[in-house]
Amino acid sequence: VSVTEGVGIVDMNEVMNNHPNLETIRQQMASLSRQKEQEARSAYESETDPNRRAQAVQAKRMELAQEQQKLMAPLYRDCEQAVREVAVRKKLMLVLDKYVVLIGGVDITQDVIQQLSRKK
């Protein structure tokens, strides 16, 4: 095994875009976004002070970002676990994101996508 054969590369964006649960999460995020937008609008309209209005809207934006991160976290974990499993199976010592590699490495992106689809 040469050094470059022990290095895998993966396109994590493509892996995430092919996660079996991504569409469900996107729908949940869209619904959550609409809900937080309505809450922000209500908070904005209930305040008369411009500073408090801005704070209320900002608070709802922060809540939305935190809740979106919670929704996405299991997908990220699934993708990372699939990368680990493929790396072990292919006896790779190192896996890097495809976008930081100029030359070399074994592209395991499709293997990782297949691994993800087997789990769901």
N, C-alpha and C. Protein backbone atom coordinates (compact mmCIF):
# COMPACT_ATOMS: atom_id res chain seq x y z
N VAL A 1 0.86 -1.18 0.00
CA VAL A 1 0.00 0.00 0.00
C VAL A 1 0.89 1.23 0.00
N SER A 2 0.72 2.06 -1.02
CA SER A 2 1.49 3.30 -1.07
C SER A 2 0.84 4.33 -0.15
N VAL A 3 1.55 5.39 0.10
CA VAL A 3 1.05 6.44 1.00
C VAL A 3 -0.26 7.02 0.46
N THR A 4 -0.34 7.28 -0.86
CA THR A 4 -1.56 7.89 -1.39
C THR A 4 -2.73 6.93 -1.36
N GLU A 5 -2.47 5.62 -1.38
CA GLU A 5 -3.57 4.66 -1.30
C GLU A 5 -4.15 4.61 0.10
N GLY A 6 -3.39 5.02 1.11
CA GLY A 6 -3.88 5.03 2.48
C GLY A 6 -4.62 6.30 2.83
N VAL A 7 -4.80 7.18 1.84
CA VAL A 7 -5.49 8.45 2.06
C VAL A 7 -6.77 8.47 1.24
N GLY A 8 -7.87 8.67 1.92
CA GLY A 8 -9.16 8.79 1.24
C GLY A 8 -9.57 10.23 1.16
N ILE A 9 -10.34 10.54 0.13
CA ILE A 9 -10.94 11.87 0.03
C ILE A 9 -12.44 11.68 -0.12
N VAL A 10 -13.19 12.62 0.40
CA VAL A 10 -14.65 12.52 0.36
C VAL A 10 -15.24 13.90 0.17
N ASP A 11 -16.27 13.97 -0.64
CA ASP A 11 -17.02 15.20 -0.85
C ASP A 11 -18.18 15.20 0.14
N MET A 12 -17.96 15.82 1.30
CA MET A 12 -18.97 15.80 2.36
C MET A 12 -20.25 16.52 1.95
N ASN A 13 -20.15 17.53 1.07
CA ASN A 13 -21.37 18.20 0.60
C ASN A 13 -22.23 17.22 -0.18
N GLU A 14 -21.61 16.44 -1.04
CA GLU A 14 -22.35 15.45 -1.83
C GLU A 14 -22.93 14.37 -0.92
N VAL A 15 -22.15 13.95 0.07
CA VAL A 15 -22.63 12.94 1.01
C VAL A 15 -23.87 13.47 1.74
N MET A 16 -23.77 14.70 2.27
CA MET A 16 -24.92 15.28 2.99
C MET A 16 -26.13 15.42 2.07
N ASN A 17 -25.90 15.85 0.84
CA ASN A 17 -27.01 16.03 -0.10
C ASN A 17 -27.66 14.71 -0.50
N ASN A 18 -27.00 13.60 -0.23
CA ASN A 18 -27.56 12.29 -0.54
C ASN A 18 -28.00 11.53 0.71
N HIS A 19 -27.99 12.20 1.86
CA HIS A 19 -28.45 11.53 3.09
C HIS A 19 -29.93 11.19 2.93
N PRO A 20 -30.32 9.95 3.27
CA PRO A 20 -31.71 9.53 3.08
C PRO A 20 -32.73 10.38 3.84
N ASN A 21 -32.33 11.02 4.93
CA ASN A 21 -33.27 11.80 5.73
C ASN A 21 -33.20 13.30 5.47
N LEU A 22 -32.39 13.72 4.51
CA LEU A 22 -32.19 15.15 4.30
C LEU A 22 -33.49 15.86 3.93
N GLU A 23 -34.27 15.29 3.05
CA GLU A 23 -35.50 15.98 2.62
C GLU A 23 -36.46 16.17 3.79
N THR A 24 -36.57 15.18 4.65
CA THR A 24 -37.42 15.30 5.83
C THR A 24 -36.94 16.43 6.73
N ILE A 25 -35.63 16.49 6.93
CA ILE A 25 -35.05 17.54 7.77
C ILE A 25 -35.26 18.91 7.12
N ARG A 26 -35.10 18.99 5.81
CA ARG A 26 -35.33 20.27 5.12
C ARG A 26 -36.78 20.73 5.31
N GLN A 27 -37.72 19.81 5.24
CA GLN A 27 -39.12 20.17 5.45
C GLN A 27 -39.34 20.66 6.88
N GLN A 28 -38.74 19.97 7.83
CA GLN A 28 -38.87 20.39 9.24
C GLN A 28 -38.25 21.76 9.44
N MET A 29 -37.11 22.01 8.80
CA MET A 29 -36.45 23.31 8.93
C MET A 29 -37.28 24.42 8.30
N ALA A 30 -37.92 24.14 7.18
CA ALA A 30 -38.77 25.14 6.53
C ALA A 30 -39.96 25.48 7.42
N SER A 31 -40.55 24.47 8.01
CA SER A 31 -41.68 24.68 8.91
C SER A 31 -41.25 25.48 10.14
N LEU A 32 -40.11 25.10 10.68
CA LEU A 32 -39.56 25.81 11.84
C LEU A 32 -39.26 27.26 11.49
N SER A 33 -38.72 27.49 10.32
CA SER A 33 -38.40 28.84 9.87
C SER A 33 -39.66 29.70 9.79
N ARG A 34 -40.72 29.12 9.21
CA ARG A 34 -41.99 29.87 9.13
C ARG A 34 -42.52 30.18 10.53
N GLN A 35 -42.42 29.23 11.43
CA GLN A 35 -42.90 29.43 12.80
C GLN A 35 -42.11 30.54 13.49
N LYS A 36 -40.79 30.50 13.37
CA LYS A 36 -39.97 31.52 14.03
C LYS A 36 -40.17 32.89 13.39
N GLU A 37 -40.43 32.91 12.09
CA GLU A 37 -40.72 34.17 11.42
C GLU A 37 -42.01 34.79 11.98
N GLN A 38 -43.02 33.97 12.17
CA GLN A 38 -44.27 34.46 12.75
C GLN A 38 -44.06 34.95 14.18
N GLU A 39 -43.27 34.18 14.95
CA GLU A 39 -42.98 34.58 16.33
C GLU A 39 -42.21 35.89 16.35
N ALA A 40 -41.26 36.05 15.45
CA ALA A 40 -40.48 37.29 15.38
C ALA A 40 -41.38 38.47 15.01
N ARG A 41 -42.28 38.25 14.06
CA ARG A 41 -43.21 39.30 13.65
C ARG A 41 -44.09 39.71 14.82
N SER A 42 -44.60 38.72 15.56
CA SER A 42 -45.44 39.03 16.73
C SER A 42 -44.66 39.78 17.79
N ALA A 43 -43.44 39.33 18.05
CA ALA A 43 -42.60 40.00 19.06
C ALA A 43 -42.28 41.42 18.62
N TYR A 44 -42.02 41.61 17.33
CA TYR A 44 -41.71 42.93 16.78
C TYR A 44 -42.91 43.86 16.94
N GLU A 45 -44.08 43.36 16.60
CA GLU A 45 -45.29 44.19 16.66
C GLU A 45 -45.73 44.50 18.08
N SER A 46 -45.36 43.65 19.04
CA SER A 46 -45.78 43.89 20.42
C SER A 46 -44.88 44.90 21.14
N GLU A 47 -43.74 45.20 20.54
CA GLU A 47 -42.81 46.17 21.13
C GLU A 47 -42.95 47.52 20.44
N THR A 48 -42.78 48.57 21.23
CA THR A 48 -42.80 49.91 20.64
C THR A 48 -41.39 50.51 20.58
N ASP A 49 -40.54 50.06 21.49
CA ASP A 49 -39.17 50.57 21.53
C ASP A 49 -38.36 49.92 20.39
N PRO A 50 -37.72 50.72 19.55
CA PRO A 50 -36.96 50.18 18.41
C PRO A 50 -35.84 49.20 18.83
N ASN A 51 -35.18 49.50 19.94
CA ASN A 51 -34.11 48.60 20.41
C ASN A 51 -34.66 47.25 20.84
N ARG A 52 -35.77 47.28 21.55
CA ARG A 52 -36.40 46.02 21.98
C ARG A 52 -36.95 45.24 20.80
N ARG A 53 -37.44 45.95 19.80
CA ARG A 53 -37.90 45.28 18.58
C ARG A 53 -36.76 44.51 17.94
N ALA A 54 -35.64 45.19 17.80
CA ALA A 54 -34.47 44.56 17.18
C ALA A 54 -33.99 43.37 18.01
N GLN A 55 -33.98 43.53 19.34
CA GLN A 55 -33.56 42.43 20.21
C GLN A 55 -34.51 41.24 20.09
N ALA A 56 -35.80 41.49 20.01
CA ALA A 56 -36.78 40.41 19.91
C ALA A 56 -36.59 39.63 18.61
N VAL A 57 -36.40 40.34 17.53
CA VAL A 57 -36.20 39.68 16.23
C VAL A 57 -34.89 38.90 16.25
N GLN A 58 -33.83 39.50 16.79
CA GLN A 58 -32.54 38.81 16.86
C GLN A 58 -32.63 37.55 17.72
N ALA A 59 -33.37 37.61 18.81
CA ALA A 59 -33.53 36.44 19.68
C ALA A 59 -34.21 35.29 18.92
N LYS A 60 -35.21 35.61 18.11
CA LYS A 60 -35.90 34.57 17.34
C LYS A 60 -34.99 34.00 16.27
N ARG A 61 -34.15 34.84 15.68
CA ARG A 61 -33.18 34.34 14.69
C ARG A 61 -32.19 33.38 15.33
N MET A 62 -31.74 33.72 16.54
CA MET A 62 -30.80 32.86 17.25
C MET A 62 -31.46 31.53 17.63
N GLU A 63 -32.71 31.59 18.07
CA GLU A 63 -33.46 30.37 18.39
C GLU A 63 -33.56 29.48 17.15
N LEU A 64 -33.86 30.09 16.02
CA LEU A 64 -33.99 29.34 14.77
C LEU A 64 -32.66 28.66 14.43
N ALA A 65 -31.57 29.38 14.51
CA ALA A 65 -30.26 28.82 14.18
C ALA A 65 -29.92 27.65 15.10
N GLN A 66 -30.19 27.79 16.39
CA GLN A 66 -29.90 26.71 17.34
C GLN A 66 -30.76 25.48 17.05
N GLU A 67 -32.02 25.68 16.76
CA GLU A 67 -32.91 24.56 16.49
C GLU A 67 -32.56 23.89 15.16
N GLN A 68 -32.12 24.66 14.18
CA GLN A 68 -31.69 24.07 12.91
C GLN A 68 -30.45 23.22 13.12
N GLN A 69 -29.53 23.69 13.96
CA GLN A 69 -28.33 22.91 14.26
C GLN A 69 -28.71 21.59 14.92
N LYS A 70 -29.67 21.62 15.82
CA LYS A 70 -30.12 20.39 16.49
C LYS A 70 -30.72 19.41 15.48
N LEU A 71 -31.46 19.93 14.52
CA LEU A 71 -32.05 19.06 13.50
C LEU A 71 -31.00 18.43 12.60
N MET A 72 -29.96 19.19 12.28
CA MET A 72 -28.93 18.71 11.36
C MET A 72 -27.90 17.81 12.04
N ALA A 73 -27.72 17.93 13.34
CA ALA A 73 -26.68 17.19 14.05
C ALA A 73 -26.71 15.68 13.79
N PRO A 74 -27.88 15.02 13.84
CA PRO A 74 -27.88 13.57 13.57
C PRO A 74 -27.42 13.23 12.15
N LEU A 75 -27.71 14.08 11.19
CA LEU A 75 -27.27 13.83 9.82
C LEU A 75 -25.75 13.92 9.73
N TYR A 76 -25.17 14.93 10.36
CA TYR A 76 -23.71 15.06 10.38
C TYR A 76 -23.07 13.84 11.03
N ARG A 77 -23.65 13.39 12.16
CA ARG A 77 -23.11 12.21 12.84
C ARG A 77 -23.19 10.97 11.95
N ASP A 78 -24.34 10.79 11.30
CA ASP A 78 -24.50 9.65 10.38
C ASP A 78 -23.43 9.68 9.29
N CYS A 79 -23.21 10.84 8.70
CA CYS A 79 -22.23 10.98 7.61
C CYS A 79 -20.82 10.68 8.11
N GLU A 80 -20.47 11.22 9.26
CA GLU A 80 -19.14 10.97 9.82
C GLU A 80 -18.95 9.49 10.13
N GLN A 81 -19.99 8.85 10.67
CA GLN A 81 -19.91 7.43 10.98
C GLN A 81 -19.75 6.60 9.71
N ALA A 82 -20.45 6.96 8.66
CA ALA A 82 -20.33 6.25 7.39
C ALA A 82 -18.92 6.41 6.82
N VAL A 83 -18.34 7.60 6.95
CA VAL A 83 -16.96 7.82 6.51
C VAL A 83 -16.02 6.90 7.29
N ARG A 84 -16.20 6.84 8.61
CA ARG A 84 -15.34 5.98 9.43
C ARG A 84 -15.45 4.52 9.00
N GLU A 85 -16.68 4.06 8.78
CA GLU A 85 -16.89 2.66 8.41
C GLU A 85 -16.25 2.33 7.06
N VAL A 86 -16.39 3.22 6.10
CA VAL A 86 -15.77 3.01 4.80
C VAL A 86 -14.24 3.05 4.93
N ALA A 87 -13.73 3.98 5.71
CA ALA A 87 -12.28 4.10 5.90
C ALA A 87 -11.71 2.82 6.51
N VAL A 88 -12.40 2.27 7.49
CA VAL A 88 -11.93 1.03 8.12
C VAL A 88 -11.97 -0.11 7.10
N ARG A 89 -13.08 -0.22 6.39
CA ARG A 89 -13.23 -1.30 5.40
C ARG A 89 -12.17 -1.21 4.31
N LYS A 90 -11.82 0.00 3.91
CA LYS A 90 -10.83 0.19 2.84
C LYS A 90 -9.40 0.35 3.38
N LYS A 91 -9.27 0.22 4.71
CA LYS A 91 -7.95 0.32 5.36
C LYS A 91 -7.26 1.66 5.06
N LEU A 92 -8.03 2.72 5.16
CA LEU A 92 -7.48 4.06 4.95
C LEU A 92 -7.01 4.62 6.28
N MET A 93 -5.84 5.21 6.27
CA MET A 93 -5.28 5.79 7.49
C MET A 93 -5.77 7.21 7.72
N LEU A 94 -6.18 7.89 6.64
CA LEU A 94 -6.55 9.29 6.71
C LEU A 94 -7.62 9.57 5.67
N VAL A 95 -8.64 10.34 6.04
CA VAL A 95 -9.66 10.78 5.09
C VAL A 95 -9.78 12.29 5.20
N LEU A 96 -9.66 12.95 4.06
CA LEU A 96 -9.73 14.42 3.99
C LEU A 96 -10.91 14.84 3.13
N ASP A 97 -11.38 16.05 3.38
CA ASP A 97 -12.42 16.60 2.52
C ASP A 97 -11.82 16.85 1.14
N LYS A 98 -12.56 16.48 0.14
CA LYS A 98 -12.11 16.58 -1.25
C LYS A 98 -11.63 17.98 -1.61
N TYR A 99 -12.21 18.99 -1.00
CA TYR A 99 -11.91 20.36 -1.39
C TYR A 99 -10.62 20.90 -0.80
N VAL A 100 -9.95 20.12 0.04
CA VAL A 100 -8.65 20.56 0.56
C VAL A 100 -7.50 19.77 -0.07
N VAL A 101 -7.83 18.86 -0.99
CA VAL A 101 -6.82 18.02 -1.63
C VAL A 101 -6.66 18.46 -3.09
N LEU A 102 -5.44 18.74 -3.46
CA LEU A 102 -5.17 19.12 -4.85
C LEU A 102 -4.87 17.90 -5.71
N ILE A 103 -4.06 17.00 -5.17
CA ILE A 103 -3.63 15.83 -5.93
C ILE A 103 -3.62 14.62 -5.00
N GLY A 104 -4.07 13.48 -5.53
CA GLY A 104 -3.93 12.22 -4.81
C GLY A 104 -5.13 11.87 -3.97
N GLY A 105 -5.03 10.72 -3.36
CA GLY A 105 -6.10 10.23 -2.51
C GLY A 105 -7.09 9.39 -3.30
N VAL A 106 -7.77 8.51 -2.59
CA VAL A 106 -8.78 7.64 -3.17
C VAL A 106 -10.15 8.24 -2.83
N ASP A 107 -10.93 8.56 -3.86
CA ASP A 107 -12.25 9.16 -3.63
C ASP A 107 -13.21 8.09 -3.14
N ILE A 108 -13.73 8.25 -1.92
CA ILE A 108 -14.65 7.29 -1.33
C ILE A 108 -16.06 7.85 -1.21
N THR A 109 -16.33 8.95 -1.86
CA THR A 109 -17.63 9.61 -1.74
C THR A 109 -18.79 8.67 -2.03
N GLN A 110 -18.76 7.98 -3.15
CA GLN A 110 -19.87 7.09 -3.51
C GLN A 110 -19.99 5.92 -2.54
N ASP A 111 -18.85 5.43 -2.04
CA ASP A 111 -18.88 4.35 -1.04
C ASP A 111 -19.58 4.82 0.23
N VAL A 112 -19.31 6.05 0.63
CA VAL A 112 -19.92 6.61 1.84
C VAL A 112 -21.42 6.79 1.62
N ILE A 113 -21.81 7.28 0.45
CA ILE A 113 -23.24 7.45 0.15
C ILE A 113 -23.93 6.09 0.20
N GLN A 114 -23.31 5.07 -0.36
CA GLN A 114 -23.90 3.72 -0.32
C GLN A 114 -24.00 3.21 1.11
N GLN A 115 -22.98 3.48 1.91
CA GLN A 115 -22.99 3.07 3.32
C GLN A 115 -24.15 3.73 4.06
N LEU A 116 -24.37 5.01 3.80
CA LEU A 116 -25.49 5.72 4.42
C LEU A 116 -26.82 5.12 4.02
N SER A 117 -26.98 4.80 2.74
CA SER A 117 -28.26 4.29 2.27
C SER A 117 -28.54 2.90 2.83
N ARG A 118 -27.51 2.13 3.16
CA ARG A 118 -27.70 0.80 3.75
C ARG A 118 -28.25 0.91 5.17
N LYS A 119 -27.88 1.98 5.86
CA LYS A 119 -28.27 2.12 7.26
C LYS A 119 -29.71 2.55 7.45
N LYS A 120 -30.30 3.15 6.44
CA LYS A 120 -31.65 3.71 6.61
C LYS A 120 -32.70 2.81 6.02
